[in-house]
Amino acid sequence: MKFWNENFLNKRRREWLNSIYKIQYSAGDEWYDAVITEKSIEGDTLKILSTTTDSADLTITSVRLLDTSGEVAGQISESIKKLATQGVITLWEFPLYEIDSTE
């Protein structure tokens, strides 16, 4: 049996999605701003689509999401090599749901 009302969860998902303000990626010692091209909710999953903005040969070593107050909401290590003529498109999916109780 679930505790949370689905309308409440949908509001929280929308608030969470709206609080993600920026995506950044690092290469070497520099952080670059990505462009968020789409934010949506499909079912119980938050989806954020972004693309790189630089025109350099580099290896992306980390990606982080920042909230509207500038704090790091989440960060992950990566190893994505790209050429100056290439961009990187990323789709982030974050399912937010309540696990049913087994009792």
PDB file of N, CA and C in Angstrom:
ATOM      1  N   MET A   1       0.843  -1.180   0.000  1.00  0.00           N
ATOM      2  CA  MET A   1       0.000   0.000   0.000  1.00  0.00           C
ATOM      3  C   MET A   1       0.890   1.245   0.000  1.00  0.00           C
ATOM      4  N   LYS A   2       0.543   2.201  -0.827  1.00  0.00           N
ATOM      5  CA  LYS A   2       1.323   3.431  -0.908  1.00  0.00           C
ATOM      6  C   LYS A   2       0.839   4.446   0.120  1.00  0.00           C
ATOM      7  N   PHE A   3       1.778   5.222   0.622  1.00  0.00           N
ATOM      8  CA  PHE A   3       1.464   6.276   1.579  1.00  0.00           C
ATOM      9  C   PHE A   3       1.142   7.584   0.853  1.00  0.00           C
ATOM     10  N   TRP A   4       1.987   7.967  -0.126  1.00  0.00           N
ATOM     11  CA  TRP A   4       1.869   9.270  -0.772  1.00  0.00           C
ATOM     12  C   TRP A   4       0.774   9.282  -1.831  1.00  0.00           C
ATOM     13  N   ASN A   5       0.033  10.364  -1.866  1.00  0.00           N
ATOM     14  CA  ASN A   5      -0.980  10.609  -2.882  1.00  0.00           C
ATOM     15  C   ASN A   5      -0.274  10.922  -4.205  1.00  0.00           C
ATOM     16  N   GLU A   6      -0.774  10.398  -5.311  1.00  0.00           N
ATOM     17  CA  GLU A   6      -0.119  10.588  -6.617  1.00  0.00           C
ATOM     18  C   GLU A   6      -0.077  12.059  -7.032  1.00  0.00           C
ATOM     19  N   ASN A   7      -1.114  12.834  -6.712  1.00  0.00           N
ATOM     20  CA  ASN A   7      -1.093  14.271  -7.024  1.00  0.00           C
ATOM     21  C   ASN A   7       0.039  14.970  -6.287  1.00  0.00           C
ATOM     22  N   PHE A   8       0.247  14.602  -5.036  1.00  0.00           N
ATOM     23  CA  PHE A   8       1.347  15.164  -4.254  1.00  0.00           C
ATOM     24  C   PHE A   8       2.684  14.815  -4.903  1.00  0.00           C
ATOM     25  N   LEU A   9       2.859  13.544  -5.277  1.00  0.00           N
ATOM     26  CA  LEU A   9       4.110  13.122  -5.913  1.00  0.00           C
ATOM     27  C   LEU A   9       4.337  13.853  -7.232  1.00  0.00           C
ATOM     28  N   ASN A  10       3.287  14.060  -8.005  1.00  0.00           N
ATOM     29  CA  ASN A  10       3.429  14.794  -9.267  1.00  0.00           C
ATOM     30  C   ASN A  10       3.882  16.229  -9.032  1.00  0.00           C
ATOM     31  N   LYS A  11       3.353  16.871  -7.981  1.00  0.00           N
ATOM     32  CA  LYS A  11       3.795  18.227  -7.635  1.00  0.00           C
ATOM     33  C   LYS A  11       5.270  18.232  -7.249  1.00  0.00           C
ATOM     34  N   ARG A  12       5.692  17.256  -6.442  1.00  0.00           N
ATOM     35  CA  ARG A  12       7.099  17.177  -6.025  1.00  0.00           C
ATOM     36  C   ARG A  12       8.007  16.949  -7.234  1.00  0.00           C
ATOM     37  N   ARG A  13       7.580  16.099  -8.153  1.00  0.00           N
ATOM     38  CA  ARG A  13       8.381  15.861  -9.368  1.00  0.00           C
ATOM     39  C   ARG A  13       8.557  17.160 -10.151  1.00  0.00           C
ATOM     40  N   ARG A  14       7.460  17.905 -10.306  1.00  0.00           N
ATOM     41  CA  ARG A  14       7.516  19.177 -11.040  1.00  0.00           C
ATOM     42  C   ARG A  14       8.440  20.158 -10.322  1.00  0.00           C
ATOM     43  N   GLU A  15       8.335  20.262  -8.992  1.00  0.00           N
ATOM     44  CA  GLU A  15       9.208  21.156  -8.229  1.00  0.00           C
ATOM     45  C   GLU A  15      10.664  20.742  -8.376  1.00  0.00           C
ATOM     46  N   TRP A  16      10.926  19.450  -8.293  1.00  0.00           N
ATOM     47  CA  TRP A  16      12.292  18.945  -8.414  1.00  0.00           C
ATOM     48  C   TRP A  16      12.837  19.294  -9.799  1.00  0.00           C
ATOM     49  N   LEU A  17      12.065  19.031 -10.837  1.00  0.00           N
ATOM     50  CA  LEU A  17      12.506  19.322 -12.202  1.00  0.00           C
ATOM     51  C   LEU A  17      12.770  20.812 -12.381  1.00  0.00           C
ATOM     52  N   ASN A  18      11.884  21.647 -11.864  1.00  0.00           N
ATOM     53  CA  ASN A  18      12.058  23.098 -11.981  1.00  0.00           C
ATOM     54  C   ASN A  18      13.259  23.607 -11.193  1.00  0.00           C
ATOM     55  N   SER A  19      13.695  22.866 -10.180  1.00  0.00           N
ATOM     56  CA  SER A  19      14.830  23.319  -9.372  1.00  0.00           C
ATOM     57  C   SER A  19      16.176  23.036 -10.039  1.00  0.00           C
ATOM     58  N   ILE A  20      16.200  22.187 -11.077  1.00  0.00           N
ATOM     59  CA  ILE A  20      17.455  21.954 -11.803  1.00  0.00           C
ATOM     60  C   ILE A  20      17.641  23.103 -12.779  1.00  0.00           C
ATOM     61  N   TYR A  21      18.655  23.909 -12.517  1.00  0.00           N
ATOM     62  CA  TYR A  21      18.868  25.158 -13.240  1.00  0.00           C
ATOM     63  C   TYR A  21      19.927  25.034 -14.328  1.00  0.00           C
ATOM     64  N   LYS A  22      20.955  24.241 -14.060  1.00  0.00           N
ATOM     65  CA  LYS A  22      22.100  24.224 -14.961  1.00  0.00           C
ATOM     66  C   LYS A  22      22.767  22.861 -14.944  1.00  0.00           C
ATOM     67  N   ILE A  23      23.332  22.487 -16.093  1.00  0.00           N
ATOM     68  CA  ILE A  23      24.179  21.305 -16.197  1.00  0.00           C
ATOM     69  C   ILE A  23      25.553  21.777 -16.638  1.00  0.00           C
ATOM     70  N   GLN A  24      26.569  21.283 -15.963  1.00  0.00           N
ATOM     71  CA  GLN A  24      27.950  21.618 -16.316  1.00  0.00           C
ATOM     72  C   GLN A  24      28.741  20.335 -16.527  1.00  0.00           C
ATOM     73  N   TYR A  25      29.766  20.429 -17.371  1.00  0.00           N
ATOM     74  CA  TYR A  25      30.663  19.302 -17.593  1.00  0.00           C
ATOM     75  C   TYR A  25      32.095  19.803 -17.481  1.00  0.00           C
ATOM     76  N   SER A  26      32.972  18.941 -16.970  1.00  0.00           N
ATOM     77  CA  SER A  26      34.366  19.350 -16.788  1.00  0.00           C
ATOM     78  C   SER A  26      35.265  18.592 -17.746  1.00  0.00           C
ATOM     79  N   ALA A  27      36.323  19.286 -18.132  1.00  0.00           N
ATOM     80  CA  ALA A  27      37.394  18.713 -18.945  1.00  0.00           C
ATOM     81  C   ALA A  27      38.666  19.391 -18.461  1.00  0.00           C
ATOM     82  N   GLY A  28      39.631  18.593 -18.025  1.00  0.00           N
ATOM     83  CA  GLY A  28      40.815  19.185 -17.408  1.00  0.00           C
ATOM     84  C   GLY A  28      40.398  19.856 -16.114  1.00  0.00           C
ATOM     85  N   ASP A  29      40.812  21.097 -15.948  1.00  0.00           N
ATOM     86  CA  ASP A  29      40.463  21.851 -14.740  1.00  0.00           C
ATOM     87  C   ASP A  29      39.353  22.867 -14.987  1.00  0.00           C
ATOM     88  N   GLU A  30      38.663  22.761 -16.108  1.00  0.00           N
ATOM     89  CA  GLU A  30      37.671  23.767 -16.468  1.00  0.00           C
ATOM     90  C   GLU A  30      36.263  23.173 -16.500  1.00  0.00           C
ATOM     91  N   TRP A  31      35.302  23.966 -16.005  1.00  0.00           N
ATOM     92  CA  TRP A  31      33.891  23.593 -16.083  1.00  0.00           C
ATOM     93  C   TRP A  31      33.242  24.386 -17.215  1.00  0.00           C
ATOM     94  N   TYR A  32      32.422  23.709 -18.013  1.00  0.00           N
ATOM     95  CA  TYR A  32      31.689  24.322 -19.116  1.00  0.00           C
ATOM     96  C   TYR A  32      30.197  24.205 -18.830  1.00  0.00           C
ATOM     97  N   ASP A  33      29.445  25.217 -19.252  1.00  0.00           N
ATOM     98  CA  ASP A  33      27.993  25.145 -19.131  1.00  0.00           C
ATOM     99  C   ASP A  33      27.424  24.408 -20.332  1.00  0.00           C
ATOM    100  N   ALA A  34      26.586  23.437 -20.082  1.00  0.00           N
ATOM    101  CA  ALA A  34      25.830  22.785 -21.148  1.00  0.00           C
ATOM    102  C   ALA A  34      24.541  23.577 -21.351  1.00  0.00           C
ATOM    103  N   VAL A  35      23.872  23.319 -22.447  1.00  0.00           N
ATOM    104  CA  VAL A  35      22.581  23.943 -22.704  1.00  0.00           C
ATOM    105  C   VAL A  35      21.496  22.901 -22.443  1.00  0.00           C
ATOM    106  N   ILE A  36      20.575  23.234 -21.548  1.00  0.00           N
ATOM    107  CA  ILE A  36      19.425  22.359 -21.319  1.00  0.00           C
ATOM    108  C   ILE A  36      18.434  22.644 -22.441  1.00  0.00           C
ATOM    109  N   THR A  37      18.173  21.636 -23.264  1.00  0.00           N
ATOM    110  CA  THR A  37      17.290  21.822 -24.415  1.00  0.00           C
ATOM    111  C   THR A  37      15.867  21.355 -24.148  1.00  0.00           C
ATOM    112  N   GLU A  38      15.695  20.515 -23.148  1.00  0.00           N
ATOM    113  CA  GLU A  38      14.347  20.033 -22.835  1.00  0.00           C
ATOM    114  C   GLU A  38      14.302  19.488 -21.413  1.00  0.00           C
ATOM    115  N   LYS A  39      13.208  19.782 -20.730  1.00  0.00           N
ATOM    116  CA  LYS A  39      12.938  19.215 -19.411  1.00  0.00           C
ATOM    117  C   LYS A  39      11.499  18.722 -19.432  1.00  0.00           C
ATOM    118  N   SER A  40      11.297  17.478 -18.999  1.00  0.00           N
ATOM    119  CA  SER A  40       9.942  16.928 -19.025  1.00  0.00           C
ATOM    120  C   SER A  40       9.780  15.872 -17.942  1.00  0.00           C
ATOM    121  N   ILE A  41       8.534  15.513 -17.715  1.00  0.00           N
ATOM    122  CA  ILE A  41       8.204  14.413 -16.812  1.00  0.00           C
ATOM    123  C   ILE A  41       7.381  13.422 -17.620  1.00  0.00           C
ATOM    124  N   GLU A  42       7.832  12.180 -17.631  1.00  0.00           N
ATOM    125  CA  GLU A  42       7.088  11.106 -18.291  1.00  0.00           C
ATOM    126  C   GLU A  42       6.792  10.046 -17.242  1.00  0.00           C
ATOM    127  N   GLY A  43       5.527   9.947 -16.878  1.00  0.00           N
ATOM    128  CA  GLY A  43       5.150   9.022 -15.815  1.00  0.00           C
ATOM    129  C   GLY A  43       5.781   9.469 -14.510  1.00  0.00           C
ATOM    130  N   ASP A  44       6.622   8.623 -13.914  1.00  0.00           N
ATOM    131  CA  ASP A  44       7.292   8.973 -12.660  1.00  0.00           C
ATOM    132  C   ASP A  44       8.747   9.383 -12.875  1.00  0.00           C
ATOM    133  N   THR A  45       9.133   9.655 -14.127  1.00  0.00           N
ATOM    134  CA  THR A  45      10.537   9.912 -14.452  1.00  0.00           C
ATOM    135  C   THR A  45      10.766  11.338 -14.926  1.00  0.00           C
ATOM    136  N   LEU A  46      11.733  12.014 -14.291  1.00  0.00           N
ATOM    137  CA  LEU A  46      12.173  13.330 -14.738  1.00  0.00           C
ATOM    138  C   LEU A  46      13.170  13.116 -15.865  1.00  0.00           C
ATOM    139  N   LYS A  47      13.038  13.886 -16.946  1.00  0.00           N
ATOM    140  CA  LYS A  47      13.955  13.768 -18.077  1.00  0.00           C
ATOM    141  C   LYS A  47      14.519  15.140 -18.406  1.00  0.00           C
ATOM    142  N   ILE A  48      15.847  15.182 -18.551  1.00  0.00           N
ATOM    143  CA  ILE A  48      16.524  16.425 -18.900  1.00  0.00           C
ATOM    144  C   ILE A  48      17.454  16.122 -20.067  1.00  0.00           C
ATOM    145  N   LEU A  49      17.286  16.859 -21.157  1.00  0.00           N
ATOM    146  CA  LEU A  49      18.112  16.699 -22.346  1.00  0.00           C
ATOM    147  C   LEU A  49      19.042  17.901 -22.430  1.00  0.00           C
ATOM    148  N   SER A  50      20.331  17.644 -22.662  1.00  0.00           N
ATOM    149  CA  SER A  50      21.291  18.747 -22.739  1.00  0.00           C
ATOM    150  C   SER A  50      22.317  18.480 -23.827  1.00  0.00           C
ATOM    151  N   THR A  51      23.019  19.534 -24.209  1.00  0.00           N
ATOM    152  CA  THR A  51      24.068  19.427 -25.215  1.00  0.00           C
ATOM    153  C   THR A  51      25.264  20.280 -24.807  1.00  0.00           C
ATOM    154  N   THR A  52      26.445  19.866 -25.246  1.00  0.00           N
ATOM    155  CA  THR A  52      27.662  20.622 -24.946  1.00  0.00           C
ATOM    156  C   THR A  52      27.686  21.903 -25.774  1.00  0.00           C
ATOM    157  N   THR A  53      28.532  22.855 -25.356  1.00  0.00           N
ATOM    158  CA  THR A  53      28.581  24.165 -26.013  1.00  0.00           C
ATOM    159  C   THR A  53      29.957  24.537 -26.539  1.00  0.00           C
ATOM    160  N   ASP A  54      30.971  23.740 -26.247  1.00  0.00           N
ATOM    161  CA  ASP A  54      32.333  24.108 -26.633  1.00  0.00           C
ATOM    162  C   ASP A  54      32.641  23.655 -28.056  1.00  0.00           C
ATOM    163  N   SER A  55      33.776  24.122 -28.571  1.00  0.00           N
ATOM    164  CA  SER A  55      34.264  23.671 -29.880  1.00  0.00           C
ATOM    165  C   SER A  55      35.733  23.289 -29.734  1.00  0.00           C
ATOM    166  N   ALA A  56      35.991  22.356 -28.827  1.00  0.00           N
ATOM    167  CA  ALA A  56      37.366  21.932 -28.535  1.00  0.00           C
ATOM    168  C   ALA A  56      37.454  20.413 -28.521  1.00  0.00           C
ATOM    169  N   ASP A  57      38.666  19.909 -28.776  1.00  0.00           N
ATOM    170  CA  ASP A  57      38.954  18.494 -28.544  1.00  0.00           C
ATOM    171  C   ASP A  57      39.121  18.337 -27.043  1.00  0.00           C
ATOM    172  N   LEU A  58      38.343  17.490 -26.433  1.00  0.00           N
ATOM    173  CA  LEU A  58      38.495  17.306 -24.990  1.00  0.00           C
ATOM    174  C   LEU A  58      37.873  16.000 -24.538  1.00  0.00           C
ATOM    175  N   THR A  59      38.206  15.632 -23.310  1.00  0.00           N
ATOM    176  CA  THR A  59      37.597  14.475 -22.664  1.00  0.00           C
ATOM    177  C   THR A  59      36.801  14.979 -21.470  1.00  0.00           C
ATOM    178  N   ILE A  60      35.510  14.739 -21.509  1.00  0.00           N
ATOM    179  CA  ILE A  60      34.636  15.130 -20.400  1.00  0.00           C
ATOM    180  C   ILE A  60      34.847  14.124 -19.279  1.00  0.00           C
ATOM    181  N   THR A  61      35.226  14.626 -18.113  1.00  0.00           N
ATOM    182  CA  THR A  61      35.543  13.738 -16.990  1.00  0.00           C
ATOM    183  C   THR A  61      34.498  13.762 -15.880  1.00  0.00           C
ATOM    184  N   SER A  62      33.614  14.752 -15.907  1.00  0.00           N
ATOM    185  CA  SER A  62      32.600  14.845 -14.862  1.00  0.00           C
ATOM    186  C   SER A  62      31.428  15.679 -15.367  1.00  0.00           C
ATOM    187  N   VAL A  63      30.244  15.362 -14.883  1.00  0.00           N
ATOM    188  CA  VAL A  63      29.041  16.130 -15.190  1.00  0.00           C
ATOM    189  C   VAL A  63      28.325  16.390 -13.869  1.00  0.00           C
ATOM    190  N   ARG A  64      27.818  17.616 -13.721  1.00  0.00           N
ATOM    191  CA  ARG A  64      27.087  17.939 -12.496  1.00  0.00           C
ATOM    192  C   ARG A  64      25.839  18.751 -12.823  1.00  0.00           C
ATOM    193  N   LEU A  65      24.849  18.599 -11.982  1.00  0.00           N
ATOM    194  CA  LEU A  65      23.609  19.358 -12.075  1.00  0.00           C
ATOM    195  C   LEU A  65      23.581  20.346 -10.927  1.00  0.00           C
ATOM    196  N   LEU A  66      23.226  21.592 -11.238  1.00  0.00           N
ATOM    197  CA  LEU A  66      23.128  22.633 -10.222  1.00  0.00           C
ATOM    198  C   LEU A  66      21.674  23.047 -10.052  1.00  0.00           C
ATOM    199  N   ASP A  67      21.319  23.376  -8.798  1.00  0.00           N
ATOM    200  CA  ASP A  67      19.955  23.828  -8.544  1.00  0.00           C
ATOM    201  C   ASP A  67      19.870  25.343  -8.669  1.00  0.00           C
ATOM    202  N   THR A  68      18.689  25.884  -8.462  1.00  0.00           N
ATOM    203  CA  THR A  68      18.461  27.312  -8.657  1.00  0.00           C
ATOM    204  C   THR A  68      19.241  28.192  -7.689  1.00  0.00           C
ATOM    205  N   SER A  69      19.733  27.629  -6.588  1.00  0.00           N
ATOM    206  CA  SER A  69      20.549  28.414  -5.654  1.00  0.00           C
ATOM    207  C   SER A  69      22.039  28.276  -5.958  1.00  0.00           C
ATOM    208  N   GLY A  70      22.392  27.506  -6.990  1.00  0.00           N
ATOM    209  CA  GLY A  70      23.791  27.343  -7.373  1.00  0.00           C
ATOM    210  C   GLY A  70      24.492  26.178  -6.704  1.00  0.00           C
ATOM    211  N   GLU A  71      23.777  25.428  -5.874  1.00  0.00           N
ATOM    212  CA  GLU A  71      24.382  24.269  -5.214  1.00  0.00           C
ATOM    213  C   GLU A  71      24.391  23.068  -6.147  1.00  0.00           C
ATOM    214  N   VAL A  72      25.422  22.226  -5.981  1.00  0.00           N
ATOM    215  CA  VAL A  72      25.503  21.004  -6.768  1.00  0.00           C
ATOM    216  C   VAL A  72      24.445  20.029  -6.253  1.00  0.00           C
ATOM    217  N   ALA A  73      23.511  19.678  -7.128  1.00  0.00           N
ATOM    218  CA  ALA A  73      22.451  18.737  -6.761  1.00  0.00           C
ATOM    219  C   ALA A  73      22.926  17.300  -6.919  1.00  0.00           C
ATOM    220  N   GLY A  74      23.787  17.067  -7.896  1.00  0.00           N
ATOM    221  CA  GLY A  74      24.317  15.732  -8.148  1.00  0.00           C
ATOM    222  C   GLY A  74      25.487  15.815  -9.105  1.00  0.00           C
ATOM    223  N   GLN A  75      26.362  14.833  -9.032  1.00  0.00           N
ATOM    224  CA  GLN A  75      27.563  14.833  -9.873  1.00  0.00           C
ATOM    225  C   GLN A  75      27.982  13.399 -10.147  1.00  0.00           C
ATOM    226  N   ILE A  76      28.518  13.162 -11.341  1.00  0.00           N
ATOM    227  CA  ILE A  76      28.966  11.829 -11.717  1.00  0.00           C
ATOM    228  C   ILE A  76      30.251  11.931 -12.535  1.00  0.00           C
ATOM    229  N   SER A  77      31.133  10.961 -12.362  1.00  0.00           N
ATOM    230  CA  SER A  77      32.354  10.884 -13.164  1.00  0.00           C
ATOM    231  C   SER A  77      32.034  10.241 -14.505  1.00  0.00           C
ATOM    232  N   GLU A  78      32.683  10.723 -15.545  1.00  0.00           N
ATOM    233  CA  GLU A  78      32.484  10.221 -16.903  1.00  0.00           C
ATOM    234  C   GLU A  78      33.836  10.129 -17.595  1.00  0.00           C
ATOM    235  N   SER A  79      33.844   9.575 -18.778  1.00  0.00           N
ATOM    236  CA  SER A  79      35.017   9.581 -19.653  1.00  0.00           C
ATOM    237  C   SER A  79      34.500   9.584 -21.088  1.00  0.00           C
ATOM    238  N   ILE A  80      34.183  10.794 -21.571  1.00  0.00           N
ATOM    239  CA  ILE A  80      33.610  10.963 -22.902  1.00  0.00           C
ATOM    240  C   ILE A  80      34.578  11.793 -23.735  1.00  0.00           C
ATOM    241  N   LYS A  81      35.151  11.181 -24.763  1.00  0.00           N
ATOM    242  CA  LYS A  81      36.073  11.899 -25.651  1.00  0.00           C
ATOM    243  C   LYS A  81      35.287  12.486 -26.813  1.00  0.00           C
ATOM    244  N   LYS A  82      35.572  13.755 -27.121  1.00  0.00           N
ATOM    245  CA  LYS A  82      34.911  14.403 -28.253  1.00  0.00           C
ATOM    246  C   LYS A  82      35.907  15.249 -29.025  1.00  0.00           C
ATOM    247  N   LEU A  83      35.663  15.363 -30.318  1.00  0.00           N
ATOM    248  CA  LEU A  83      36.467  16.213 -31.185  1.00  0.00           C
ATOM    249  C   LEU A  83      35.873  17.615 -31.213  1.00  0.00           C
ATOM    250  N   ALA A  84      36.659  18.568 -31.705  1.00  0.00           N
ATOM    251  CA  ALA A  84      36.189  19.947 -31.787  1.00  0.00           C
ATOM    252  C   ALA A  84      34.942  20.069 -32.659  1.00  0.00           C
ATOM    253  N   THR A  85      34.808  19.192 -33.629  1.00  0.00           N
ATOM    254  CA  THR A  85      33.663  19.239 -34.547  1.00  0.00           C
ATOM    255  C   THR A  85      32.456  18.465 -34.029  1.00  0.00           C
ATOM    256  N   GLN A  86      32.582  17.872 -32.855  1.00  0.00           N
ATOM    257  CA  GLN A  86      31.499  17.073 -32.296  1.00  0.00           C
ATOM    258  C   GLN A  86      30.851  17.770 -31.104  1.00  0.00           C
ATOM    259  N   GLY A  87      29.611  17.451 -30.902  1.00  0.00           N
ATOM    260  CA  GLY A  87      28.916  17.837 -29.683  1.00  0.00           C
ATOM    261  C   GLY A  87      28.523  16.574 -28.946  1.00  0.00           C
ATOM    262  N   VAL A  88      28.112  16.736 -27.719  1.00  0.00           N
ATOM    263  CA  VAL A  88      27.635  15.600 -26.932  1.00  0.00           C
ATOM    264  C   VAL A  88      26.231  15.936 -26.453  1.00  0.00           C
ATOM    265  N   ILE A  89      25.302  15.061 -26.769  1.00  0.00           N
ATOM    266  CA  ILE A  89      23.924  15.198 -26.302  1.00  0.00           C
ATOM    267  C   ILE A  89      23.722  14.177 -25.191  1.00  0.00           C
ATOM    268  N   THR A  90      23.196  14.626 -24.067  1.00  0.00           N
ATOM    269  CA  THR A  90      22.947  13.707 -22.952  1.00  0.00           C
ATOM    270  C   THR A  90      21.475  13.752 -22.571  1.00  0.00           C
ATOM    271  N   LEU A  91      20.953  12.593 -22.235  1.00  0.00           N
ATOM    272  CA  LEU A  91      19.597  12.476 -21.709  1.00  0.00           C
ATOM    273  C   LEU A  91      19.710  11.912 -20.306  1.00  0.00           C
ATOM    274  N   TRP A  92      19.267  12.695 -19.330  1.00  0.00           N
ATOM    275  CA  TRP A  92      19.301  12.291 -17.926  1.00  0.00           C
ATOM    276  C   TRP A  92      17.899  11.866 -17.533  1.00  0.00           C
ATOM    277  N   GLU A  93      17.777  10.695 -16.939  1.00  0.00           N
ATOM    278  CA  GLU A  93      16.484  10.192 -16.490  1.00  0.00           C
ATOM    279  C   GLU A  93      16.561   9.858 -15.006  1.00  0.00           C
ATOM    280  N   PHE A  94      15.636  10.439 -14.250  1.00  0.00           N
ATOM    281  CA  PHE A  94      15.600  10.244 -12.806  1.00  0.00           C
ATOM    282  C   PHE A  94      14.204   9.796 -12.390  1.00  0.00           C
ATOM    283  N   PRO A  95      13.997   8.494 -12.179  1.00  0.00           N
ATOM    284  CA  PRO A  95      12.685   8.041 -11.718  1.00  0.00           C
ATOM    285  C   PRO A  95      12.488   8.392 -10.238  1.00  0.00           C
ATOM    286  N   LEU A  96      11.355   8.983  -9.930  1.00  0.00           N
ATOM    287  CA  LEU A  96      11.008   9.328  -8.544  1.00  0.00           C
ATOM    288  C   LEU A  96       9.668   8.686  -8.224  1.00  0.00           C
ATOM    289  N   TYR A  97       9.719   7.641  -7.406  1.00  0.00           N
ATOM    290  CA  TYR A  97       8.506   6.913  -7.086  1.00  0.00           C
ATOM    291  C   TYR A  97       8.611   6.322  -5.691  1.00  0.00           C
ATOM    292  N   GLU A  98       7.462   5.972  -5.177  1.00  0.00           N
ATOM    293  CA  GLU A  98       7.389   5.342  -3.864  1.00  0.00           C
ATOM    294  C   GLU A  98       7.391   3.832  -4.047  1.00  0.00           C
ATOM    295  N   ILE A  99       8.155   3.152  -3.241  1.00  0.00           N
ATOM    296  CA  ILE A  99       8.177   1.696  -3.267  1.00  0.00           C
ATOM    297  C   ILE A  99       7.005   1.197  -2.432  1.00  0.00           C
ATOM    298  N   ASP A 100       6.218   0.304  -3.012  1.00  0.00           N
ATOM    299  CA  ASP A 100       5.079  -0.259  -2.281  1.00  0.00           C
ATOM    300  C   ASP A 100       5.557  -1.047  -1.072  1.00  0.00           C
ATOM    301  N   SER A 101       4.837  -0.889   0.009  1.00  0.00           N
ATOM    302  CA  SER A 101       5.112  -1.661   1.221  1.00  0.00           C
ATOM    303  C   SER A 101       4.709  -3.109   0.991  1.00  0.00           C
ATOM    304  N   THR A 102       5.467  -4.021   1.559  1.00  0.00           N
ATOM    305  CA  THR A 102       5.140  -5.445   1.422  1.00  0.00           C
ATOM    306  C   THR A 102       4.336  -5.950   2.611  1.00  0.00           C
ATOM    307  N   GLU A 103       4.085  -5.082   3.572  1.00  0.00           N
ATOM    308  CA  GLU A 103       3.335  -5.507   4.765  1.00  0.00           C
ATOM    309  C   GLU A 103       1.866  -5.218   4.628  1.00  0.00           C
TER     310      GLU A 103
END
